[in-house]
């Protein structure tokens, strides 16, 4: 159980959590890959990428780290991004789900690709 001051302090710590440029690039590459996927009508926006980074920072903080690792991003991607994908009608008819697309994207985007 936490009080409001504890929550604010934890949020401040999470805000200061370090995200390496390669992790930021990785998140942007995930967003780009969703927009390029043929089953996707509307992919993850830059704002969605920002929210994934913020969630990864909070997860790292709660894990006792002051830095984000790629596994933080991968672990949260479904929860943060799935609902942001709009699939093509043909893909929906074939039974494709947003989670399927996201797993495919995460499997195809290299972690340290960089820009």
PDB file of N, CA and C in Angstrom:
ATOM      1  N   UNK A   1       0.852  -1.165   0.000  1.00  0.00           N
ATOM      2  CA  UNK A   1       0.000   0.000   0.000  1.00  0.00           C
ATOM      3  C   UNK A   1       0.902   1.233   0.000  1.00  0.00           C
ATOM      4  N   UNK A   2       0.552   2.165  -0.853  1.00  0.00           N
ATOM      5  CA  UNK A   2       1.331   3.389  -0.995  1.00  0.00           C
ATOM      6  C   UNK A   2       0.442   4.590  -0.748  1.00  0.00           C
ATOM      7  N   UNK A   3       1.073   5.655  -0.335  1.00  0.00           N
ATOM      8  CA  UNK A   3       0.349   6.910  -0.205  1.00  0.00           C
ATOM      9  C   UNK A   3       0.654   7.767  -1.432  1.00  0.00           C
ATOM     10  N   UNK A   4      -0.077   8.859  -1.622  1.00  0.00           N
ATOM     11  CA  UNK A   4       0.142   9.686  -2.819  1.00  0.00           C
ATOM     12  C   UNK A   4       1.577  10.182  -2.971  1.00  0.00           C
ATOM     13  N   UNK A   5       2.225  10.520  -1.883  1.00  0.00           N
ATOM     14  CA  UNK A   5       3.609  11.008  -1.971  1.00  0.00           C
ATOM     15  C   UNK A   5       4.541   9.916  -2.494  1.00  0.00           C
ATOM     16  N   UNK A   6       4.307   8.663  -2.077  1.00  0.00           N
ATOM     17  CA  UNK A   6       5.119   7.548  -2.568  1.00  0.00           C
ATOM     18  C   UNK A   6       4.934   7.352  -4.070  1.00  0.00           C
ATOM     19  N   UNK A   7       3.713   7.469  -4.527  1.00  0.00           N
ATOM     20  CA  UNK A   7       3.422   7.295  -5.950  1.00  0.00           C
ATOM     21  C   UNK A   7       4.097   8.397  -6.770  1.00  0.00           C
ATOM     22  N   UNK A   8       4.025   9.617  -6.288  1.00  0.00           N
ATOM     23  CA  UNK A   8       4.668  10.740  -6.980  1.00  0.00           C
ATOM     24  C   UNK A   8       6.176  10.551  -7.009  1.00  0.00           C
ATOM     25  N   UNK A   9       6.760  10.120  -5.898  1.00  0.00           N
ATOM     26  CA  UNK A   9       8.204   9.889  -5.844  1.00  0.00           C
ATOM     27  C   UNK A   9       8.612   8.782  -6.819  1.00  0.00           C
ATOM     28  N   UNK A  10       7.830   7.715  -6.870  1.00  0.00           N
ATOM     29  CA  UNK A  10       8.131   6.613  -7.782  1.00  0.00           C
ATOM     30  C   UNK A  10       8.018   7.072  -9.239  1.00  0.00           C
ATOM     31  N   UNK A  11       7.028   7.891  -9.542  1.00  0.00           N
ATOM     32  CA  UNK A  11       6.875   8.422 -10.907  1.00  0.00           C
ATOM     33  C   UNK A  11       8.065   9.299 -11.281  1.00  0.00           C
ATOM     34  N   UNK A  12       8.565  10.078 -10.325  1.00  0.00           N
ATOM     35  CA  UNK A  12       9.738  10.911 -10.585  1.00  0.00           C
ATOM     36  C   UNK A  12      10.966  10.050 -10.854  1.00  0.00           C
ATOM     37  N   UNK A  13      11.115   8.975 -10.108  1.00  0.00           N
ATOM     38  CA  UNK A  13      12.242   8.060 -10.329  1.00  0.00           C
ATOM     39  C   UNK A  13      12.124   7.426 -11.710  1.00  0.00           C
ATOM     40  N   UNK A  14      10.922   6.995 -12.067  1.00  0.00           N
ATOM     41  CA  UNK A  14      10.718   6.379 -13.381  1.00  0.00           C
ATOM     42  C   UNK A  14      11.029   7.359 -14.507  1.00  0.00           C
ATOM     43  N   UNK A  15      10.657   8.621 -14.326  1.00  0.00           N
ATOM     44  CA  UNK A  15      10.943   9.629 -15.349  1.00  0.00           C
ATOM     45  C   UNK A  15      12.436   9.787 -15.592  1.00  0.00           C
ATOM     46  N   UNK A  16      13.233   9.567 -14.561  1.00  0.00           N
ATOM     47  CA  UNK A  16      14.677   9.736 -14.706  1.00  0.00           C
ATOM     48  C   UNK A  16      15.378   8.448 -15.146  1.00  0.00           C
ATOM     49  N   UNK A  17      14.634   7.406 -15.365  1.00  0.00           N
ATOM     50  CA  UNK A  17      15.196   6.131 -15.806  1.00  0.00           C
ATOM     51  C   UNK A  17      15.821   6.305 -17.194  1.00  0.00           C
ATOM     52  N   UNK A  18      16.999   5.746 -17.385  1.00  0.00           N
ATOM     53  CA  UNK A  18      17.750   5.925 -18.635  1.00  0.00           C
ATOM     54  C   UNK A  18      17.233   4.984 -19.721  1.00  0.00           C
ATOM     55  N   UNK A  19      17.057   5.548 -20.913  1.00  0.00           N
ATOM     56  CA  UNK A  19      16.707   4.763 -22.094  1.00  0.00           C
ATOM     57  C   UNK A  19      17.792   5.031 -23.136  1.00  0.00           C
ATOM     58  N   UNK A  20      18.555   4.005 -23.456  1.00  0.00           N
ATOM     59  CA  UNK A  20      19.646   4.146 -24.428  1.00  0.00           C
ATOM     60  C   UNK A  20      19.087   4.484 -25.806  1.00  0.00           C
ATOM     61  N   UNK A  21      19.856   5.194 -26.599  1.00  0.00           N
ATOM     62  CA  UNK A  21      19.402   5.510 -27.960  1.00  0.00           C
ATOM     63  C   UNK A  21      19.035   4.263 -28.767  1.00  0.00           C
ATOM     64  N   UNK A  22      19.740   3.173 -28.564  1.00  0.00           N
ATOM     65  CA  UNK A  22      19.408   1.950 -29.315  1.00  0.00           C
ATOM     66  C   UNK A  22      18.045   1.406 -28.913  1.00  0.00           C
ATOM     67  N   UNK A  23      17.651   1.574 -27.650  1.00  0.00           N
ATOM     68  CA  UNK A  23      16.318   1.133 -27.205  1.00  0.00           C
ATOM     69  C   UNK A  23      15.257   2.039 -27.810  1.00  0.00           C
ATOM     70  N   UNK A  24      15.509   3.341 -27.828  1.00  0.00           N
ATOM     71  CA  UNK A  24      14.568   4.269 -28.452  1.00  0.00           C
ATOM     72  C   UNK A  24      14.398   3.936 -29.933  1.00  0.00           C
ATOM     73  N   UNK A  25      15.516   3.678 -30.611  1.00  0.00           N
ATOM     74  CA  UNK A  25      15.451   3.300 -32.022  1.00  0.00           C
ATOM     75  C   UNK A  25      14.682   2.000 -32.206  1.00  0.00           C
ATOM     76  N   UNK A  26      14.881   1.054 -31.292  1.00  0.00           N
ATOM     77  CA  UNK A  26      14.177  -0.229 -31.349  1.00  0.00           C
ATOM     78  C   UNK A  26      12.658  -0.004 -31.280  1.00  0.00           C
ATOM     79  N   UNK A  27      12.234   0.841 -30.364  1.00  0.00           N
ATOM     80  CA  UNK A  27      10.803   1.130 -30.228  1.00  0.00           C
ATOM     81  C   UNK A  27      10.274   1.810 -31.492  1.00  0.00           C
ATOM     82  N   UNK A  28      11.029   2.752 -32.036  1.00  0.00           N
ATOM     83  CA  UNK A  28      10.610   3.409 -33.276  1.00  0.00           C
ATOM     84  C   UNK A  28      10.558   2.417 -34.436  1.00  0.00           C
ATOM     85  N   UNK A  29      11.511   1.495 -34.487  1.00  0.00           N
ATOM     86  CA  UNK A  29      11.509   0.474 -35.539  1.00  0.00           C
ATOM     87  C   UNK A  29      10.292  -0.444 -35.411  1.00  0.00           C
ATOM     88  N   UNK A  30       9.875  -0.735 -34.190  1.00  0.00           N
ATOM     89  CA  UNK A  30       8.660  -1.531 -33.978  1.00  0.00           C
ATOM     90  C   UNK A  30       7.453  -0.777 -34.538  1.00  0.00           C
ATOM     91  N   UNK A  31       7.358   0.503 -34.202  1.00  0.00           N
ATOM     92  CA  UNK A  31       6.259   1.321 -34.727  1.00  0.00           C
ATOM     93  C   UNK A  31       6.267   1.370 -36.247  1.00  0.00           C
ATOM     94  N   UNK A  32       7.445   1.581 -36.834  1.00  0.00           N
ATOM     95  CA  UNK A  32       7.562   1.611 -38.298  1.00  0.00           C
ATOM     96  C   UNK A  32       7.131   0.280 -38.905  1.00  0.00           C
ATOM     97  N   UNK A  33       7.541  -0.820 -38.287  1.00  0.00           N
ATOM     98  CA  UNK A  33       7.215  -2.148 -38.816  1.00  0.00           C
ATOM     99  C   UNK A  33       5.715  -2.407 -38.773  1.00  0.00           C
ATOM    100  N   UNK A  34       5.030  -1.886 -37.760  1.00  0.00           N
ATOM    101  CA  UNK A  34       3.577  -2.082 -37.723  1.00  0.00           C
ATOM    102  C   UNK A  34       2.911  -1.326 -38.865  1.00  0.00           C
ATOM    103  N   UNK A  35       3.426  -0.156 -39.169  1.00  0.00           N
ATOM    104  CA  UNK A  35       2.834   0.637 -40.242  1.00  0.00           C
ATOM    105  C   UNK A  35       3.127   0.055 -41.624  1.00  0.00           C
ATOM    106  N   UNK A  36       4.206  -0.719 -41.740  1.00  0.00           N
ATOM    107  CA  UNK A  36       4.585  -1.321 -43.023  1.00  0.00           C
ATOM    108  C   UNK A  36       3.963  -2.704 -43.222  1.00  0.00           C
ATOM    109  N   UNK A  37       3.370  -3.265 -42.183  1.00  0.00           N
ATOM    110  CA  UNK A  37       2.816  -4.616 -42.288  1.00  0.00           C
ATOM    111  C   UNK A  37       1.605  -4.619 -43.219  1.00  0.00           C
ATOM    112  N   UNK A  38       1.546  -5.561 -44.160  1.00  0.00           N
ATOM    113  CA  UNK A  38       0.432  -5.573 -45.119  1.00  0.00           C
ATOM    114  C   UNK A  38      -0.934  -5.874 -44.491  1.00  0.00           C
ATOM    115  N   UNK A  39      -0.957  -6.464 -43.311  1.00  0.00           N
ATOM    116  CA  UNK A  39      -2.232  -6.752 -42.648  1.00  0.00           C
ATOM    117  C   UNK A  39      -2.753  -5.581 -41.830  1.00  0.00           C
ATOM    118  N   UNK A  40      -1.988  -4.503 -41.764  1.00  0.00           N
ATOM    119  CA  UNK A  40      -2.336  -3.371 -40.902  1.00  0.00           C
ATOM    120  C   UNK A  40      -2.795  -2.176 -41.731  1.00  0.00           C
ATOM    121  N   UNK A  41      -3.969  -1.670 -41.410  1.00  0.00           N
ATOM    122  CA  UNK A  41      -4.486  -0.466 -42.063  1.00  0.00           C
ATOM    123  C   UNK A  41      -3.933   0.788 -41.386  1.00  0.00           C
ATOM    124  N   UNK A  42      -3.815   0.732 -40.060  1.00  0.00           N
ATOM    125  CA  UNK A  42      -3.319   1.869 -39.287  1.00  0.00           C
ATOM    126  C   UNK A  42      -2.422   1.321 -38.184  1.00  0.00           C
ATOM    127  N   UNK A  43      -1.128   1.629 -38.291  1.00  0.00           N
ATOM    128  CA  UNK A  43      -0.159   1.099 -37.334  1.00  0.00           C
ATOM    129  C   UNK A  43       0.021   1.979 -36.118  1.00  0.00           C
ATOM    130  N   UNK A  44       1.009   1.631 -35.335  1.00  0.00           N
ATOM    131  CA  UNK A  44       1.306   2.346 -34.092  1.00  0.00           C
ATOM    132  C   UNK A  44       1.828   3.740 -34.425  1.00  0.00           C
ATOM    133  N   UNK A  45       1.275   4.735 -33.759  1.00  0.00           N
ATOM    134  CA  UNK A  45       1.673   6.130 -33.980  1.00  0.00           C
ATOM    135  C   UNK A  45       2.913   6.456 -33.143  1.00  0.00           C
ATOM    136  N   UNK A  46       3.559   7.584 -33.436  1.00  0.00           N
ATOM    137  CA  UNK A  46       4.672   8.015 -32.582  1.00  0.00           C
ATOM    138  C   UNK A  46       4.254   8.147 -31.113  1.00  0.00           C
ATOM    139  N   UNK A  47       3.024   8.587 -30.882  1.00  0.00           N
ATOM    140  CA  UNK A  47       2.543   8.699 -29.499  1.00  0.00           C
ATOM    141  C   UNK A  47       2.491   7.327 -28.828  1.00  0.00           C
ATOM    142  N   UNK A  48       2.116   6.304 -29.577  1.00  0.00           N
ATOM    143  CA  UNK A  48       2.120   4.949 -29.040  1.00  0.00           C
ATOM    144  C   UNK A  48       3.525   4.516 -28.665  1.00  0.00           C
ATOM    145  N   UNK A  49       4.497   4.907 -29.477  1.00  0.00           N
ATOM    146  CA  UNK A  49       5.895   4.586 -29.169  1.00  0.00           C
ATOM    147  C   UNK A  49       6.350   5.286 -27.888  1.00  0.00           C
ATOM    148  N   UNK A  50       5.934   6.536 -27.721  1.00  0.00           N
ATOM    149  CA  UNK A  50       6.267   7.283 -26.502  1.00  0.00           C
ATOM    150  C   UNK A  50       5.688   6.572 -25.279  1.00  0.00           C
ATOM    151  N   UNK A  51       4.462   6.102 -25.391  1.00  0.00           N
ATOM    152  CA  UNK A  51       3.840   5.418 -24.258  1.00  0.00           C
ATOM    153  C   UNK A  51       4.523   4.093 -23.953  1.00  0.00           C
ATOM    154  N   UNK A  52       5.008   3.408 -24.975  1.00  0.00           N
ATOM    155  CA  UNK A  52       5.748   2.171 -24.740  1.00  0.00           C
ATOM    156  C   UNK A  52       7.044   2.461 -23.983  1.00  0.00           C
ATOM    157  N   UNK A  53       7.729   3.516 -24.344  1.00  0.00           N
ATOM    158  CA  UNK A  53       8.959   3.890 -23.640  1.00  0.00           C
ATOM    159  C   UNK A  53       8.646   4.273 -22.191  1.00  0.00           C
ATOM    160  N   UNK A  54       7.587   5.027 -21.975  1.00  0.00           N
ATOM    161  CA  UNK A  54       7.221   5.419 -20.605  1.00  0.00           C
ATOM    162  C   UNK A  54       6.888   4.195 -19.753  1.00  0.00           C
ATOM    163  N   UNK A  55       6.155   3.257 -20.332  1.00  0.00           N
ATOM    164  CA  UNK A  55       5.811   2.037 -19.601  1.00  0.00           C
ATOM    165  C   UNK A  55       7.060   1.214 -19.309  1.00  0.00           C
ATOM    166  N   UNK A  56       7.985   1.163 -20.256  1.00  0.00           N
ATOM    167  CA  UNK A  56       9.231   0.420 -20.053  1.00  0.00           C
ATOM    168  C   UNK A  56      10.069   1.055 -18.941  1.00  0.00           C
ATOM    169  N   UNK A  57      10.071   2.380 -18.877  1.00  0.00           N
ATOM    170  CA  UNK A  57      10.790   3.072 -17.802  1.00  0.00           C
ATOM    171  C   UNK A  57      10.188   2.732 -16.440  1.00  0.00           C
ATOM    172  N   UNK A  58       8.869   2.707 -16.366  1.00  0.00           N
ATOM    173  CA  UNK A  58       8.207   2.366 -15.101  1.00  0.00           C
ATOM    174  C   UNK A  58       8.502   0.923 -14.712  1.00  0.00           C
ATOM    175  N   UNK A  59       8.477   0.021 -15.677  1.00  0.00           N
ATOM    176  CA  UNK A  59       8.768  -1.388 -15.403  1.00  0.00           C
ATOM    177  C   UNK A  59      10.197  -1.556 -14.914  1.00  0.00           C
ATOM    178  N   UNK A  60      11.133  -0.897 -15.565  1.00  0.00           N
ATOM    179  CA  UNK A  60      12.529  -0.978 -15.134  1.00  0.00           C
ATOM    180  C   UNK A  60      12.690  -0.457 -13.712  1.00  0.00           C
ATOM    181  N   UNK A  61      12.025   0.642 -13.421  1.00  0.00           N
ATOM    182  CA  UNK A  61      12.099   1.216 -12.074  1.00  0.00           C
ATOM    183  C   UNK A  61      11.557   0.251 -11.039  1.00  0.00           C
ATOM    184  N   UNK A  62      10.408  -0.352 -11.323  1.00  0.00           N
ATOM    185  CA  UNK A  62       9.821  -1.304 -10.381  1.00  0.00           C
ATOM    186  C   UNK A  62      10.674  -2.559 -10.230  1.00  0.00           C
ATOM    187  N   UNK A  63      11.491  -2.857 -11.248  1.00  0.00           N
ATOM    188  CA  UNK A  63      12.399  -4.003 -11.175  1.00  0.00           C
ATOM    189  C   UNK A  63      13.698  -3.644 -10.453  1.00  0.00           C
ATOM    190  N   UNK A  64      13.819  -2.390 -10.036  1.00  0.00           N
ATOM    191  CA  UNK A  64      15.003  -1.968  -9.287  1.00  0.00           C
ATOM    192  C   UNK A  64      16.152  -1.504 -10.160  1.00  0.00           C
ATOM    193  N   UNK A  65      15.870  -1.221 -11.426  1.00  0.00           N
ATOM    194  CA  UNK A  65      16.908  -0.747 -12.334  1.00  0.00           C
ATOM    195  C   UNK A  65      16.679   0.718 -12.668  1.00  0.00           C
ATOM    196  N   UNK A  66      17.750   1.414 -13.019  1.00  0.00           N
ATOM    197  CA  UNK A  66      17.618   2.807 -13.467  1.00  0.00           C
ATOM    198  C   UNK A  66      17.854   2.908 -14.969  1.00  0.00           C
ATOM    199  N   UNK A  67      17.644   1.809 -15.684  1.00  0.00           N
ATOM    200  CA  UNK A  67      17.809   1.752 -17.131  1.00  0.00           C
ATOM    201  C   UNK A  67      16.836   0.725 -17.711  1.00  0.00           C
ATOM    202  N   UNK A  68      16.454   0.942 -18.957  1.00  0.00           N
ATOM    203  CA  UNK A  68      15.523   0.057 -19.662  1.00  0.00           C
ATOM    204  C   UNK A  68      16.312  -0.955 -20.470  1.00  0.00           C
ATOM    205  N   UNK A  69      15.843  -2.193 -20.489  1.00  0.00           N
ATOM    206  CA  UNK A  69      16.429  -3.245 -21.313  1.00  0.00           C
ATOM    207  C   UNK A  69      15.408  -3.661 -22.380  1.00  0.00           C
ATOM    208  N   UNK A  70      15.861  -4.269 -23.468  1.00  0.00           N
ATOM    209  CA  UNK A  70      14.930  -4.666 -24.528  1.00  0.00           C
ATOM    210  C   UNK A  70      13.799  -5.568 -24.045  1.00  0.00           C
ATOM    211  N   UNK A  71      14.060  -6.411 -23.068  1.00  0.00           N
ATOM    212  CA  UNK A  71      13.006  -7.294 -22.555  1.00  0.00           C
ATOM    213  C   UNK A  71      11.863  -6.502 -21.917  1.00  0.00           C
ATOM    214  N   UNK A  72      12.144  -5.332 -21.360  1.00  0.00           N
ATOM    215  CA  UNK A  72      11.071  -4.479 -20.832  1.00  0.00           C
ATOM    216  C   UNK A  72      10.132  -4.083 -21.964  1.00  0.00           C
ATOM    217  N   UNK A  73      10.712  -3.700 -23.083  1.00  0.00           N
ATOM    218  CA  UNK A  73       9.925  -3.281 -24.245  1.00  0.00           C
ATOM    219  C   UNK A  73       9.114  -4.454 -24.781  1.00  0.00           C
ATOM    220  N   UNK A  74       9.763  -5.593 -24.963  1.00  0.00           N
ATOM    221  CA  UNK A  74       9.079  -6.765 -25.507  1.00  0.00           C
ATOM    222  C   UNK A  74       7.947  -7.222 -24.593  1.00  0.00           C
ATOM    223  N   UNK A  75       8.193  -7.205 -23.291  1.00  0.00           N
ATOM    224  CA  UNK A  75       7.202  -7.681 -22.330  1.00  0.00           C
ATOM    225  C   UNK A  75       5.951  -6.810 -22.339  1.00  0.00           C
ATOM    226  N   UNK A  76       6.125  -5.519 -22.571  1.00  0.00           N
ATOM    227  CA  UNK A  76       5.005  -4.575 -22.509  1.00  0.00           C
ATOM    228  C   UNK A  76       4.346  -4.290 -23.850  1.00  0.00           C
ATOM    229  N   UNK A  77       4.984  -4.679 -24.929  1.00  0.00           N
ATOM    230  CA  UNK A  77       4.507  -4.293 -26.262  1.00  0.00           C
ATOM    231  C   UNK A  77       3.047  -4.669 -26.492  1.00  0.00           C
ATOM    232  N   UNK A  78       2.662  -5.863 -26.117  1.00  0.00           N
ATOM    233  CA  UNK A  78       1.280  -6.279 -26.336  1.00  0.00           C
ATOM    234  C   UNK A  78       0.290  -5.406 -25.591  1.00  0.00           C
ATOM    235  N   UNK A  79       0.544  -5.197 -24.321  1.00  0.00           N
ATOM    236  CA  UNK A  79      -0.377  -4.424 -23.493  1.00  0.00           C
ATOM    237  C   UNK A  79      -0.474  -2.970 -23.947  1.00  0.00           C
ATOM    238  N   UNK A  80       0.628  -2.415 -24.429  1.00  0.00           N
ATOM    239  CA  UNK A  80       0.645  -0.996 -24.780  1.00  0.00           C
ATOM    240  C   UNK A  80       0.239  -0.746 -26.234  1.00  0.00           C
ATOM    241  N   UNK A  81       0.541  -1.689 -27.126  1.00  0.00           N
ATOM    242  CA  UNK A  81       0.382  -1.405 -28.551  1.00  0.00           C
ATOM    243  C   UNK A  81      -0.753  -2.130 -29.265  1.00  0.00           C
ATOM    244  N   UNK A  82      -1.147  -3.299 -28.787  1.00  0.00           N
ATOM    245  CA  UNK A  82      -2.132  -4.101 -29.536  1.00  0.00           C
ATOM    246  C   UNK A  82      -3.389  -3.322 -29.888  1.00  0.00           C
ATOM    247  N   UNK A  83      -3.930  -2.615 -28.917  1.00  0.00           N
ATOM    248  CA  UNK A  83      -5.189  -1.900 -29.177  1.00  0.00           C
ATOM    249  C   UNK A  83      -5.003  -0.707 -30.110  1.00  0.00           C
ATOM    250  N   UNK A  84      -3.762  -0.369 -30.412  1.00  0.00           N
ATOM    251  CA  UNK A  84      -3.487   0.766 -31.299  1.00  0.00           C
ATOM    252  C   UNK A  84      -3.414   0.353 -32.773  1.00  0.00           C
ATOM    253  N   UNK A  85      -3.503  -0.946 -33.047  1.00  0.00           N
ATOM    254  CA  UNK A  85      -3.425  -1.435 -34.422  1.00  0.00           C
ATOM    255  C   UNK A  85      -4.824  -1.591 -35.006  1.00  0.00           C
ATOM    256  N   UNK A  86      -5.018  -1.050 -36.194  1.00  0.00           N
ATOM    257  CA  UNK A  86      -6.258  -1.264 -36.941  1.00  0.00           C
ATOM    258  C   UNK A  86      -5.904  -2.158 -38.124  1.00  0.00           C
ATOM    259  N   UNK A  87      -6.522  -3.318 -38.177  1.00  0.00           N
ATOM    260  CA  UNK A  87      -6.202  -4.285 -39.220  1.00  0.00           C
ATOM    261  C   UNK A  87      -7.006  -4.040 -40.489  1.00  0.00           C
ATOM    262  N   UNK A  88      -6.426  -4.466 -41.600  1.00  0.00           N
ATOM    263  CA  UNK A  88      -7.129  -4.426 -42.882  1.00  0.00           C
ATOM    264  C   UNK A  88      -8.332  -5.370 -42.795  1.00  0.00           C
ATOM    265  N   UNK A  89      -9.443  -5.020 -43.427  1.00  0.00           N
ATOM    266  CA  UNK A  89     -10.616  -5.895 -43.391  1.00  0.00           C
ATOM    267  C   UNK A  89     -10.315  -7.318 -43.896  1.00  0.00           C
ATOM    268  N   UNK A  90      -9.496  -7.427 -44.936  1.00  0.00           N
ATOM    269  CA  UNK A  90      -9.150  -8.749 -45.464  1.00  0.00           C
ATOM    270  C   UNK A  90      -8.408  -9.586 -44.425  1.00  0.00           C
ATOM    271  N   UNK A  91      -7.550  -8.949 -43.664  1.00  0.00           N
ATOM    272  CA  UNK A  91      -6.815  -9.657 -42.611  1.00  0.00           C
ATOM    273  C   UNK A  91      -7.776 -10.122 -41.521  1.00  0.00           C
ATOM    274  N   UNK A  92      -8.728  -9.282 -41.178  1.00  0.00           N
ATOM    275  CA  UNK A  92      -9.712  -9.672 -40.164  1.00  0.00           C
ATOM    276  C   UNK A  92     -10.529 -10.860 -40.638  1.00  0.00           C
ATOM    277  N   UNK A  93     -10.895 -10.862 -41.907  1.00  0.00           N
ATOM    278  CA  UNK A  93     -11.664 -11.981 -42.462  1.00  0.00           C
ATOM    279  C   UNK A  93     -10.844 -13.266 -42.390  1.00  0.00           C
ATOM    280  N   UNK A  94      -9.541 -13.155 -42.614  1.00  0.00           N
ATOM    281  CA  UNK A  94      -8.660 -14.329 -42.523  1.00  0.00           C
ATOM    282  C   UNK A  94      -8.419 -14.767 -41.081  1.00  0.00           C
ATOM    283  N   UNK A  95      -8.890 -13.990 -40.123  1.00  0.00           N
ATOM    284  CA  UNK A  95      -8.729 -14.348 -38.717  1.00  0.00           C
ATOM    285  C   UNK A  95      -7.472 -13.810 -38.067  1.00  0.00           C
ATOM    286  N   UNK A  96      -6.794 -12.898 -38.747  1.00  0.00           N
ATOM    287  CA  UNK A  96      -5.597 -12.281 -38.179  1.00  0.00           C
ATOM    288  C   UNK A  96      -6.014 -11.399 -37.015  1.00  0.00           C
ATOM    289  N   UNK A  97      -5.246 -11.442 -35.950  1.00  0.00           N
ATOM    290  CA  UNK A  97      -5.503 -10.608 -34.775  1.00  0.00           C
ATOM    291  C   UNK A  97      -4.325  -9.644 -34.583  1.00  0.00           C
ATOM    292  N   UNK A  98      -4.589  -8.555 -33.902  1.00  0.00           N
ATOM    293  CA  UNK A  98      -3.542  -7.561 -33.649  1.00  0.00           C
ATOM    294  C   UNK A  98      -2.361  -8.189 -32.916  1.00  0.00           C
ATOM    295  N   UNK A  99      -2.635  -9.087 -31.993  1.00  0.00           N
ATOM    296  CA  UNK A  99      -1.556  -9.762 -31.275  1.00  0.00           C
ATOM    297  C   UNK A  99      -0.679 -10.594 -32.193  1.00  0.00           C
ATOM    298  N   UNK A 100      -1.285 -11.198 -33.223  1.00  0.00           N
ATOM    299  CA  UNK A 100      -0.517 -11.972 -34.201  1.00  0.00           C
ATOM    300  C   UNK A 100       0.461 -11.061 -34.941  1.00  0.00           C
ATOM    301  N   UNK A 101      -0.041  -9.919 -35.369  1.00  0.00           N
ATOM    302  CA  UNK A 101       0.797  -8.959 -36.097  1.00  0.00           C
ATOM    303  C   UNK A 101       1.922  -8.472 -35.197  1.00  0.00           C
ATOM    304  N   UNK A 102       1.599  -8.134 -33.971  1.00  0.00           N
ATOM    305  CA  UNK A 102       2.611  -7.609 -33.060  1.00  0.00           C
ATOM    306  C   UNK A 102       3.685  -8.645 -32.767  1.00  0.00           C
ATOM    307  N   UNK A 103       3.300  -9.909 -32.568  1.00  0.00           N
ATOM    308  CA  UNK A 103       4.301 -10.964 -32.354  1.00  0.00           C
ATOM    309  C   UNK A 103       5.201 -11.105 -33.574  1.00  0.00           C
ATOM    310  N   UNK A 104       4.598 -11.042 -34.754  1.00  0.00           N
ATOM    311  CA  UNK A 104       5.378 -11.142 -35.993  1.00  0.00           C
ATOM    312  C   UNK A 104       6.363  -9.981 -36.087  1.00  0.00           C
ATOM    313  N   UNK A 105       5.908  -8.788 -35.749  1.00  0.00           N
ATOM    314  CA  UNK A 105       6.774  -7.612 -35.785  1.00  0.00           C
ATOM    315  C   UNK A 105       7.913  -7.756 -34.784  1.00  0.00           C
ATOM    316  N   UNK A 106       7.592  -8.158 -33.559  1.00  0.00           N
ATOM    317  CA  UNK A 106       8.633  -8.298 -32.537  1.00  0.00           C
ATOM    318  C   UNK A 106       9.650  -9.366 -32.915  1.00  0.00           C
ATOM    319  N   UNK A 107       9.194 -10.411 -33.609  1.00  0.00           N
ATOM    320  CA  UNK A 107      10.117 -11.454 -34.059  1.00  0.00           C
ATOM    321  C   UNK A 107      11.005 -10.982 -35.206  1.00  0.00           C
ATOM    322  N   UNK A 108      10.540  -9.998 -35.966  1.00  0.00           N
ATOM    323  CA  UNK A 108      11.286  -9.580 -37.160  1.00  0.00           C
ATOM    324  C   UNK A 108      12.179  -8.359 -36.943  1.00  0.00           C
ATOM    325  N   UNK A 109      11.884  -7.565 -35.934  1.00  0.00           N
ATOM    326  CA  UNK A 109      12.663  -6.325 -35.720  1.00  0.00           C
ATOM    327  C   UNK A 109      13.843  -6.636 -34.798  1.00  0.00           C
ATOM    328  N   UNK A 110      15.069  -6.454 -35.293  1.00  0.00           N
ATOM    329  CA  UNK A 110      16.244  -6.703 -34.443  1.00  0.00           C
ATOM    330  C   UNK A 110      16.345  -5.662 -33.327  1.00  0.00           C
ATOM    331  N   UNK A 111      16.811  -6.116 -32.180  1.00  0.00           N
ATOM    332  CA  UNK A 111      16.865  -5.244 -31.007  1.00  0.00           C
ATOM    333  C   UNK A 111      17.820  -4.074 -31.196  1.00  0.00           C
ATOM    334  N   UNK A 112      18.994  -4.315 -31.668  1.00  0.00           N
ATOM    335  CA  UNK A 112      20.022  -3.257 -31.733  1.00  0.00           C
ATOM    336  C   UNK A 112      20.240  -2.760 -33.156  1.00  0.00           C
ATOM    337  N   UNK A 113      19.168  -2.676 -33.927  1.00  0.00           N
ATOM    338  CA  UNK A 113      19.325  -2.265 -35.323  1.00  0.00           C
ATOM    339  C   UNK A 113      19.831  -0.821 -35.413  1.00  0.00           C
ATOM    340  N   UNK A 114      19.277   0.029 -34.583  1.00  0.00           N
ATOM    341  CA  UNK A 114      19.663   1.443 -34.641  1.00  0.00           C
ATOM    342  C   UNK A 114      19.158   2.098 -35.916  1.00  0.00           C
ATOM    343  N   UNK A 115      19.332   3.385 -36.007  1.00  0.00           N
ATOM    344  CA  UNK A 115      18.842   4.106 -37.191  1.00  0.00           C
ATOM    345  C   UNK A 115      20.005   4.643 -37.989  1.00  0.00           C
TER     346      UNK A 115
END
